[in-house]
Amino acid sequence: MGVEDVAAGHMDAEMGGGGGEEALVEAGTCTYTKIEKLQESGVNVADIAKLKAAGFCTTNAIVSVMRKDLVAVKGLGEAKVDKIIEAAYKTVSGEKSQFFTAEEALVKLQQVRFKISTGASSLDEILRGGIEAGCITELYGEFRCGKTQLCHTLAVMAQLHETFPGRCLYIDTEGTFRPDRIQEICVAQNVDPEEIMANIITARAMTSEHLNALLREAATMMVDESSGQFAVIIIDSIMGIFRQDFSGRGELSERQQLLGKTLNRLAKLAHEFNVAVVLTNQVMADPSGSVGATFSAMPKPIGGHVLAHASTVRLFFRKGKGDERIVKIIDSPNLPEAECTVQIFSGGIRAPEGM
């Protein structure tokens, strides 16, 4: 069975065969209810189409946004929105409480959460398995530190997971995505490049507004069974287009507001569809560093507190000797601060030879 068959068949197996018309999707790694389910509560087809066009494709998407965001959807009045919200809450929770115990949360996580290998055993070790699904991982560092190389490697490795293989959604904002690099990584992993590349869906985002439009389209793809299961969303890089679109202190507040909304959208995609979200980020010199210090001050990631709070895991990349790079865990809710060495080679990244 090929990679594409595994990614698509994984969903069918969990749904008990075909099941494409069922509104409730249990895709092994995630459970969500398609928005069409609201028809049973009296929401008409035309209004559902309007919601889907605005990027609301599941009932969870409805209950996780502000009412004003739904009222802003063209063609939906306040009365209709109230009816839609009420129907969505009933569909999501039913008669059950939306609260649950920590023990129940642990069981659920163990059932659905998975980690994607980075290709480097040294990095997998400090991450306790790799890049985790269901949350946002930020990779930051100076240019030529290996961030994009890891992204290309993850696009391949996500499809090779033993239990939860899935497709990759790769949004390129700086023109650095290279299909030929994917081919090289496939050769190193001894897998068919054509099959792997067929499961990497990529787009070039030209502006921050364009990026958000692509993310709305991504939600539509992820509820489409014919697209197969997705495992990872990669944005390389997140802050480049925001810096381009908003310049100077006068536009900083507007930039951070849109950035916050974008990150919130990504967090919801990660949670709802149980995909790993990987963002690369640029850095700036730390202006607080003391003059004449005997050591180099660590550069700071851009994006401010908005990006810092949105990222579940932050990894700092810096250059080592030759083709080696040092990766350090800067922030994580469950991983201790640690660092390791990885090596960039023709097949992506790996642990240095001899380790």
Foldseek 3Di string as FASTA:
>chain_A
DALVCCQLVQQCVVCVHDVQPAQWGDRQQFTFGFLVVLVVLPQDPVLQVLCLLVLNTTLVSLQPDDLVVSCPRPPDHSVSSVSSVVSSVCVVAPPHDPDDDPVVVVVSCVRRKDAFDLAAVQVCVLVVHHFIFLAEEEEEEAPPQAQVLSVLSSQQRQSVDPNNRAAEEEEEADPPDDLVLNVLLCVVVVHDSVSSVVRYHYDYQDALVSVVSVLSVVSVLCSRSVSGAHAEYEYEALCPRLCVVADDPVCVVVSLVSSLVSLVSVSCCRNRRRHYYYHYFYWDQDPVDDPPDPDGDGTHTPSPPSVVVRHQWYWYWDDDPDQKIKIWTDHHPPGDTDIAIWGQDSNRIYHPPPD
